[in-house]
C-alpha atoms as a PDB file:
ATOM      1  CA  MET A   1     122.109  94.728  76.081  1.00  0.00           C
ATOM      2  CA  ARG A   2     119.546  96.605  74.075  1.00  0.00           C
ATOM      3  CA  ARG A   3     117.806  99.681  75.385  1.00  0.00           C
ATOM      4  CA  ALA A   4     114.138  99.795  76.266  1.00  0.00           C
ATOM      5  CA  PRO A   5     111.813 101.087  73.523  1.00  0.00           C
ATOM      6  CA  ALA A   6     111.249 104.841  73.601  1.00  0.00           C
ATOM      7  CA  LYS A   7     107.885 104.708  75.338  1.00  0.00           C
ATOM      8  CA  SER A   8     106.938 105.912  78.783  1.00  0.00           C
ATOM      9  CA  GLY A   9     104.858 104.521  81.615  1.00  0.00           C
ATOM     10  CA  ASP A  10     103.301 101.088  81.833  1.00  0.00           C
ATOM     11  CA  ASP A  11     103.279 100.393  78.077  1.00  0.00           C
ATOM     12  CA  GLY A  12     107.014 100.906  77.795  1.00  0.00           C
ATOM     13  CA  ALA A  13     107.574  98.802  80.896  1.00  0.00           C
ATOM     14  CA  GLU A  14     105.557  95.885  79.533  1.00  0.00           C
ATOM     15  CA  ILE A  15     107.649  95.962  76.362  1.00  0.00           C
ATOM     16  CA  LEU A  16     110.836  95.988  78.416  1.00  0.00           C
ATOM     17  CA  LEU A  17     109.622  93.190  80.679  1.00  0.00           C
ATOM     18  CA  GLY A  18     108.150  91.095  77.886  1.00  0.00           C
ATOM     19  CA  HIS A  19     105.032  90.470  79.962  1.00  0.00           C
ATOM     20  CA  LYS A  20     101.412  91.648  79.765  1.00  0.00           C
ATOM     21  CA  PHE A  21     100.179  92.186  83.304  1.00  0.00           C
ATOM     22  CA  ALA A  22      96.951  90.549  84.436  1.00  0.00           C
ATOM     23  CA  GLN A  23      97.108  92.875  87.462  1.00  0.00           C
ATOM     24  CA  PRO A  24      98.166  96.270  86.019  1.00  0.00           C
ATOM     25  CA  LYS A  25      98.183  97.825  89.493  1.00  0.00           C
ATOM     26  CA  LEU A  26     101.301  95.819  90.322  1.00  0.00           C
ATOM     27  CA  LEU A  27     103.184  97.316  87.402  1.00  0.00           C
ATOM     28  CA  THR A  28     101.990 100.839  88.203  1.00  0.00           C
ATOM     29  CA  GLU A  29     103.137 100.523  91.804  1.00  0.00           C
ATOM     30  CA  ALA A  30     106.485  99.070  90.767  1.00  0.00           C
ATOM     31  CA  LEU A  31     107.102 102.223  88.741  1.00  0.00           C
ATOM     32  CA  THR A  32     105.974 104.652  91.463  1.00  0.00           C
ATOM     33  CA  HIS A  33     108.582 106.307  93.666  1.00  0.00           C
ATOM     34  CA  ARG A  34     107.392 107.041  97.198  1.00  0.00           C
ATOM     35  CA  SER A  35     107.395 110.775  96.434  1.00  0.00           C
ATOM     36  CA  ALA A  36     104.601 110.254  93.887  1.00  0.00           C
ATOM     37  CA  ALA A  37     102.569 107.607  95.717  1.00  0.00           C
ATOM     38  CA  GLY A  38     100.023 109.995  97.253  1.00  0.00           C
ATOM     39  CA  ALA A  39      99.368 111.877  94.031  1.00  0.00           C
ATOM     40  CA  LYS A  40      98.886 108.624  92.136  1.00  0.00           C
ATOM     41  CA  GLY A  41      96.366 107.341  94.661  1.00  0.00           C
ATOM     42  CA  HIS A  42      98.155 104.061  95.345  1.00  0.00           C
ATOM     43  CA  GLY A  43     101.198 102.709  97.105  1.00  0.00           C
ATOM     44  CA  SER A  44     104.837 103.182  96.204  1.00  0.00           C
ATOM     45  CA  ASN A  45     107.195 100.493  94.974  1.00  0.00           C
ATOM     46  CA  GLU A  46     108.774  99.881  98.397  1.00  0.00           C
ATOM     47  CA  ARG A  47     106.828  96.713  99.232  1.00  0.00           C
ATOM     48  CA  LEU A  48     107.405  95.282  95.768  1.00  0.00           C
ATOM     49  CA  GLU A  49     111.112  96.095  96.075  1.00  0.00           C
ATOM     50  CA  PHE A  50     111.125  94.133  99.343  1.00  0.00           C
ATOM     51  CA  ILE A  51     109.854  90.945  97.712  1.00  0.00           C
ATOM     52  CA  GLY A  52     111.718  91.571  94.459  1.00  0.00           C
ATOM     53  CA  ASP A  53     115.011  91.667  96.328  1.00  0.00           C
ATOM     54  CA  ARG A  54     114.351  88.161  97.673  1.00  0.00           C
ATOM     55  CA  VAL A  55     113.116  86.809  94.344  1.00  0.00           C
ATOM     56  CA  LEU A  56     116.164  88.208  92.549  1.00  0.00           C
ATOM     57  CA  GLY A  57     118.481  86.585  95.084  1.00  0.00           C
ATOM     58  CA  LEU A  58     116.796  83.212  94.605  1.00  0.00           C
ATOM     59  CA  ILE A  59     116.877  83.426  90.815  1.00  0.00           C
ATOM     60  CA  VAL A  60     120.523  84.449  90.647  1.00  0.00           C
ATOM     61  CA  ALA A  61     121.570  81.853  93.249  1.00  0.00           C
ATOM     62  CA  GLU A  62     119.796  79.138  91.268  1.00  0.00           C
ATOM     63  CA  TRP A  63     121.421  80.406  88.064  1.00  0.00           C
ATOM     64  CA  LEU A  64     124.910  80.374  89.569  1.00  0.00           C
ATOM     65  CA  ILE A  65     124.484  76.797  90.826  1.00  0.00           C
ATOM     66  CA  GLU A  66     123.571  75.832  87.273  1.00  0.00           C
ATOM     67  CA  ARG A  67     126.236  77.967  85.583  1.00  0.00           C
ATOM     68  CA  PHE A  68     129.136  76.996  87.877  1.00  0.00           C
ATOM     69  CA  PRO A  69     128.350  73.410  88.975  1.00  0.00           C
ATOM     70  CA  ASN A  70     131.791  72.712  90.435  1.00  0.00           C
ATOM     71  CA  GLU A  71     132.189  75.824  92.582  1.00  0.00           C
ATOM     72  CA  ARG A  72     131.870  75.796  96.354  1.00  0.00           C
ATOM     73  CA  GLU A  73     129.709  78.148  98.381  1.00  0.00           C
ATOM     74  CA  GLY A  74     132.753  80.247  99.226  1.00  0.00           C
ATOM     75  CA  ALA A  75     133.101  81.205  95.560  1.00  0.00           C
ATOM     76  CA  LEU A  76     129.391  81.389  94.755  1.00  0.00           C
ATOM     77  CA  GLY A  77     128.671  83.828  97.590  1.00  0.00           C
ATOM     78  CA  PRO A  78     130.843  86.659  96.228  1.00  0.00           C
ATOM     79  CA  ARG A  79     129.444  86.078  92.741  1.00  0.00           C
ATOM     80  CA  LEU A  80     125.910  86.453  94.065  1.00  0.00           C
ATOM     81  CA  ALA A  81     126.771  89.547  96.102  1.00  0.00           C
ATOM     82  CA  ALA A  82     128.360  91.232  93.077  1.00  0.00           C
ATOM     83  CA  LEU A  83     125.496  90.441  90.714  1.00  0.00           C
ATOM     84  CA  VAL A  84     122.734  91.713  93.015  1.00  0.00           C
ATOM     85  CA  SER A  85     124.690  94.729  94.289  1.00  0.00           C
ATOM     86  CA  ARG A  86     123.376  98.247  93.782  1.00  0.00           C
ATOM     87  CA  PRO A  87     126.084  99.167  91.224  1.00  0.00           C
ATOM     88  CA  ALA A  88     125.270  96.112  89.095  1.00  0.00           C
ATOM     89  CA  LEU A  89     121.516  96.693  89.236  1.00  0.00           C
ATOM     90  CA  THR A  90     121.939 100.396  88.508  1.00  0.00           C
ATOM     91  CA  VAL A  91     123.875  99.655  85.330  1.00  0.00           C
ATOM     92  CA  ILE A  92     121.143  97.277  84.163  1.00  0.00           C
ATOM     93  CA  ALA A  93     118.425  99.833  84.948  1.00  0.00           C
ATOM     94  CA  GLU A  94     120.321 102.575  83.116  1.00  0.00           C
ATOM     95  CA  THR A  95     120.995 100.362  80.114  1.00  0.00           C
ATOM     96  CA  HIS A  96     117.295  99.665  79.693  1.00  0.00           C
ATOM     97  CA  GLY A  97     116.102 103.243  80.210  1.00  0.00           C
ATOM     98  CA  LEU A  98     114.235 102.550  83.436  1.00  0.00           C
ATOM     99  CA  ALA A  99     114.536 106.127  84.721  1.00  0.00           C
ATOM    100  CA  ALA A 100     112.210 107.414  81.999  1.00  0.00           C
ATOM    101  CA  LEU A 101     109.473 105.006  83.116  1.00  0.00           C
ATOM    102  CA  LEU A 102     109.398 106.010  86.788  1.00  0.00           C
ATOM    103  CA  ALA A 103     106.706 108.197  88.339  1.00  0.00           C
ATOM    104  CA  VAL A 104     108.399 110.736  90.613  1.00  0.00           C
ATOM    105  CA  ALA A 105     107.022 113.898  92.238  1.00  0.00           C
ATOM    106  CA  PRO A 106     107.846 117.022  90.163  1.00  0.00           C
ATOM    107  CA  GLY A 107     110.053 118.539  92.841  1.00  0.00           C
ATOM    108  CA  GLU A 108     112.015 115.330  93.273  1.00  0.00           C
ATOM    109  CA  SER A 109     112.318 114.921  89.522  1.00  0.00           C
ATOM    110  CA  LYS A 110     113.983 118.333  89.232  1.00  0.00           C
ATOM    111  CA  ARG A 111     116.524 117.210  91.822  1.00  0.00           C
ATOM    112  CA  GLY A 112     117.470 114.238  89.680  1.00  0.00           C
ATOM    113  CA  VAL A 113     115.911 111.569  91.896  1.00  0.00           C
ATOM    114  CA  ARG A 114     115.117 109.391  88.878  1.00  0.00           C
ATOM    115  CA  GLU A 115     118.802 108.985  88.111  1.00  0.00           C
ATOM    116  CA  ARG A 116     119.925 108.099  91.648  1.00  0.00           C
ATOM    117  CA  SER A 117     121.435 104.642  91.943  1.00  0.00           C
ATOM    118  CA  THR A 118     119.306 103.717  94.953  1.00  0.00           C
ATOM    119  CA  VAL A 119     116.098 104.671  93.153  1.00  0.00           C
ATOM    120  CA  LEU A 120     117.010 102.816  89.961  1.00  0.00           C
ATOM    121  CA  ALA A 121     118.172  99.656  91.717  1.00  0.00           C
ATOM    122  CA  ASP A 122     115.088  99.604  93.953  1.00  0.00           C
ATOM    123  CA  ALA A 123     112.787 100.123  90.967  1.00  0.00           C
ATOM    124  CA  LEU A 124     114.389  97.228  89.104  1.00  0.00           C
ATOM    125  CA  GLU A 125     113.861  94.977  92.119  1.00  0.00           C
ATOM    126  CA  ALA A 126     110.270  96.225  92.405  1.00  0.00           C
ATOM    127  CA  LEU A 127     109.632  95.261  88.787  1.00  0.00           C
ATOM    128  CA  ILE A 128     110.999  91.790  89.485  1.00  0.00           C
ATOM    129  CA  GLY A 129     108.679  91.557  92.485  1.00  0.00           C
ATOM    130  CA  ALA A 130     105.725  92.645  90.357  1.00  0.00           C
ATOM    131  CA  LEU A 131     106.580  90.066  87.701  1.00  0.00           C
ATOM    132  CA  TYR A 132     106.755  87.357  90.346  1.00  0.00           C
ATOM    133  CA  LEU A 133     103.399  88.252  91.896  1.00  0.00           C
ATOM    134  CA  ASP A 134     101.656  88.615  88.532  1.00  0.00           C
ATOM    135  CA  GLY A 135     103.196  85.814  86.496  1.00  0.00           C
ATOM    136  CA  GLY A 136     105.057  83.561  88.885  1.00  0.00           C
ATOM    137  CA  LEU A 137     108.679  82.590  89.328  1.00  0.00           C
ATOM    138  CA  ALA A 138     109.172  81.422  85.736  1.00  0.00           C
ATOM    139  CA  VAL A 139     108.187  84.821  84.328  1.00  0.00           C
ATOM    140  CA  ALA A 140     110.460  86.652  86.751  1.00  0.00           C
ATOM    141  CA  ARG A 141     113.278  84.219  85.985  1.00  0.00           C
ATOM    142  CA  ASP A 142     112.979  84.775  82.229  1.00  0.00           C
ATOM    143  CA  PHE A 143     113.302  88.533  82.668  1.00  0.00           C
ATOM    144  CA  VAL A 144     116.243  88.354  85.070  1.00  0.00           C
ATOM    145  CA  ARG A 145     118.161  85.941  82.864  1.00  0.00           C
ATOM    146  CA  ARG A 146     117.574  88.108  79.827  1.00  0.00           C
ATOM    147  CA  VAL A 147     118.742  91.406  81.308  1.00  0.00           C
ATOM    148  CA  MET A 148     121.599  89.913  83.341  1.00  0.00           C
ATOM    149  CA  ALA A 149     122.980  87.454  80.784  1.00  0.00           C
ATOM    150  CA  ASP A 150     125.910  89.676  79.824  1.00  0.00           C
ATOM    151  CA  VAL A 151     127.122  90.304  83.362  1.00  0.00           C
ATOM    152  CA  VAL A 152     126.836  86.647  84.360  1.00  0.00           C
ATOM    153  CA  ASP A 153     128.746  85.535  81.270  1.00  0.00           C
ATOM    154  CA  LYS A 154     131.548  87.991  82.046  1.00  0.00           C
ATOM    155  CA  GLN A 155     131.985  86.657  85.575  1.00  0.00           C
ATOM    156  CA  PHE A 156     134.591  84.020  84.717  1.00  0.00           C
ATOM    157  CA  VAL A 157     136.583  84.582  87.914  1.00  0.00           C
ATOM    158  CA  PRO A 158     134.702  84.848  91.217  1.00  0.00           C
ATOM    159  CA  PRO A 159     134.856  88.458  92.441  1.00  0.00           C
ATOM    160  CA  LYS A 160     136.309  89.067  95.867  1.00  0.00           C
ATOM    161  CA  ASP A 161     133.884  90.084  98.578  1.00  0.00           C
ATOM    162  CA  PRO A 162     134.303  93.893  98.874  1.00  0.00           C
ATOM    163  CA  LYS A 163     134.591  93.829 102.675  1.00  0.00           C
ATOM    164  CA  THR A 164     137.304  91.186 102.425  1.00  0.00           C
ATOM    165  CA  ALA A 165     139.074  93.111  99.670  1.00  0.00           C
ATOM    166  CA  LEU A 166     138.985  96.311 101.738  1.00  0.00           C
ATOM    167  CA  GLN A 167     140.321  94.514 104.806  1.00  0.00           C
ATOM    168  CA  GLU A 168     143.186  93.053 102.761  1.00  0.00           C
ATOM    169  CA  TRP A 169     143.952  96.514 101.350  1.00  0.00           C
ATOM    170  CA  ALA A 170     144.231  97.910 104.886  1.00  0.00           C
ATOM    171  CA  LEU A 171     146.365  95.034 106.177  1.00  0.00           C
ATOM    172  CA  LYS A 172     148.840  95.383 103.312  1.00  0.00           C
ATOM    173  CA  ARG A 173     149.397  98.983 104.389  1.00  0.00           C
ATOM    174  CA  ALA A 174     149.577  98.224 108.124  1.00  0.00           C
ATOM    175  CA  LEU A 175     146.412 100.238 108.754  1.00  0.00           C
ATOM    176  CA  ALA A 176     143.675  99.533 111.273  1.00  0.00           C
ATOM    177  CA  LEU A 177     140.880  97.293 110.052  1.00  0.00           C
ATOM    178  CA  PRO A 178     137.927  99.014 108.350  1.00  0.00           C
ATOM    179  CA  ALA A 179     135.452 100.556 110.812  1.00  0.00           C
ATOM    180  CA  TYR A 180     131.736 100.528 109.941  1.00  0.00           C
ATOM    181  CA  GLU A 181     129.269 103.003 111.464  1.00  0.00           C
ATOM    182  CA  VAL A 182     125.489 103.231 111.022  1.00  0.00           C
ATOM    183  CA  LEU A 183     124.715 106.840 110.095  1.00  0.00           C
ATOM    184  CA  GLU A 184     120.989 106.487 109.543  1.00  0.00           C
ATOM    185  CA  GLN A 185     118.205 103.919 109.743  1.00  0.00           C
ATOM    186  CA  THR A 186     114.858 104.775 108.194  1.00  0.00           C
ATOM    187  CA  GLY A 187     111.735 103.076 106.919  1.00  0.00           C
ATOM    188  CA  PRO A 188     109.286 100.614 108.469  1.00  0.00           C
ATOM    189  CA  SER A 189     110.452  97.441 110.191  1.00  0.00           C
ATOM    190  CA  HIS A 190     109.462  95.264 107.228  1.00  0.00           C
ATOM    191  CA  ALA A 191     111.491  97.365 104.768  1.00  0.00           C
ATOM    192  CA  PRO A 192     114.248  99.270 106.590  1.00  0.00           C
ATOM    193  CA  SER A 193     116.939 101.319 104.910  1.00  0.00           C
ATOM    194  CA  PHE A 194     120.438 101.783 106.298  1.00  0.00           C
ATOM    195  CA  ILE A 195     123.169 104.284 105.509  1.00  0.00           C
ATOM    196  CA  ILE A 196     126.563 103.096 106.719  1.00  0.00           C
ATOM    197  CA  ARG A 197     129.963 104.740 106.619  1.00  0.00           C
ATOM    198  CA  VAL A 198     133.202 102.783 106.422  1.00  0.00           C
ATOM    199  CA  THR A 199     136.525 104.353 107.338  1.00  0.00           C
ATOM    200  CA  VAL A 200     140.065 103.167 106.679  1.00  0.00           C
ATOM    201  CA  GLY A 201     142.827 105.518 107.722  1.00  0.00           C
ATOM    202  CA  ASP A 202     141.826 108.989 106.534  1.00  0.00           C
ATOM    203  CA  ALA A 203     139.483 107.724 103.805  1.00  0.00           C
ATOM    204  CA  SER A 204     135.781 107.001 104.119  1.00  0.00           C
ATOM    205  CA  ALA A 205     132.722 106.281 101.997  1.00  0.00           C
ATOM    206  CA  THR A 206     129.057 105.507 102.551  1.00  0.00           C
ATOM    207  CA  GLY A 207     126.669 102.871 101.329  1.00  0.00           C
ATOM    208  CA  ALA A 208     122.890 102.478 101.505  1.00  0.00           C
ATOM    209  CA  ALA A 209     120.791  99.324 101.369  1.00  0.00           C
ATOM    210  CA  GLY A 210     117.924  97.466 102.977  1.00  0.00           C
ATOM    211  CA  SER A 211     120.127  95.572 105.438  1.00  0.00           C
ATOM    212  CA  LYS A 212     123.221  96.414 107.452  1.00  0.00           C
ATOM    213  CA  ARG A 213     125.270  93.752 105.692  1.00  0.00           C
ATOM    214  CA  ALA A 214     124.302  94.963 102.230  1.00  0.00           C
ATOM    215  CA  ALA A 215     124.933  98.600 103.191  1.00  0.00           C
ATOM    216  CA  GLU A 216     128.373  97.650 104.498  1.00  0.00           C
ATOM    217  CA  GLN A 217     129.102  95.898 101.212  1.00  0.00           C
ATOM    218  CA  GLU A 218     128.008  98.982  99.296  1.00  0.00           C
ATOM    219  CA  ALA A 219     130.181 101.228 101.460  1.00  0.00           C
ATOM    220  CA  ALA A 220     133.202  98.955 101.036  1.00  0.00           C
ATOM    221  CA  THR A 221     132.672  98.885  97.272  1.00  0.00           C
ATOM    222  CA  ALA A 222     132.458 102.683  97.159  1.00  0.00           C
ATOM    223  CA  LEU A 223     135.637 103.113  99.211  1.00  0.00           C
ATOM    224  CA  LEU A 224     137.581 100.618  97.110  1.00  0.00           C
ATOM    225  CA  GLY A 225     136.591 102.680  94.092  1.00  0.00           C
ATOM    226  CA  ILE A 226     138.393 105.782  95.393  1.00  0.00           C
ATOM    227  CA  LEU A 227     141.412 104.187  97.068  1.00  0.00           C
ATOM    228  CA  PRO A 228     144.674 103.695  95.173  1.00  0.00           C
ATOM    229  CA  PRO A 229     145.247 100.096  94.011  1.00  0.00           C
END
């Protein structure tokens, strides 16, 4: 995938997205981290991330039905979960230079907030939400299919659900089943954020997402990444 042009702010984003916004405020908000929302005089990208998450899920689900016409739901579900996971979205955001386009408060910027996986993945979903609201589903679909074409094409074999994979790992070693614990719940009711820890034996990892299920998936993925095969 090619990188975004070396421009900053809304101009660079429009080049990346391939769309000229009729409502520029949507694009500006999509690129605004909550730490910079007050200084910018408008909202952050949290509400757009909320709708973008749903739009992305619809677009990818539709794409998978088209791409793998003979697969059952049991195989399509793990594909969808893998493609819209935080790690997958973070890689796409990094590949296209999204961090450089984000508005973040100076103090947060010094702490590397722009490069955090949660911030990058949420910003990508916010951009998808902004595209949907400004140009409709077809415009959002065109962007998603363009930036995700490589990862979809590489998914020849359905990935295993990370929670299932972690459970199988534990069972093979005669360990207790993975235990999931909510460490933190923040945000408004319409856009909550969860941090969940999963523990297997003496090993543990955390995951963060906008739903308990997604946060558990993220935690399981993180733990699988540090456990021996």
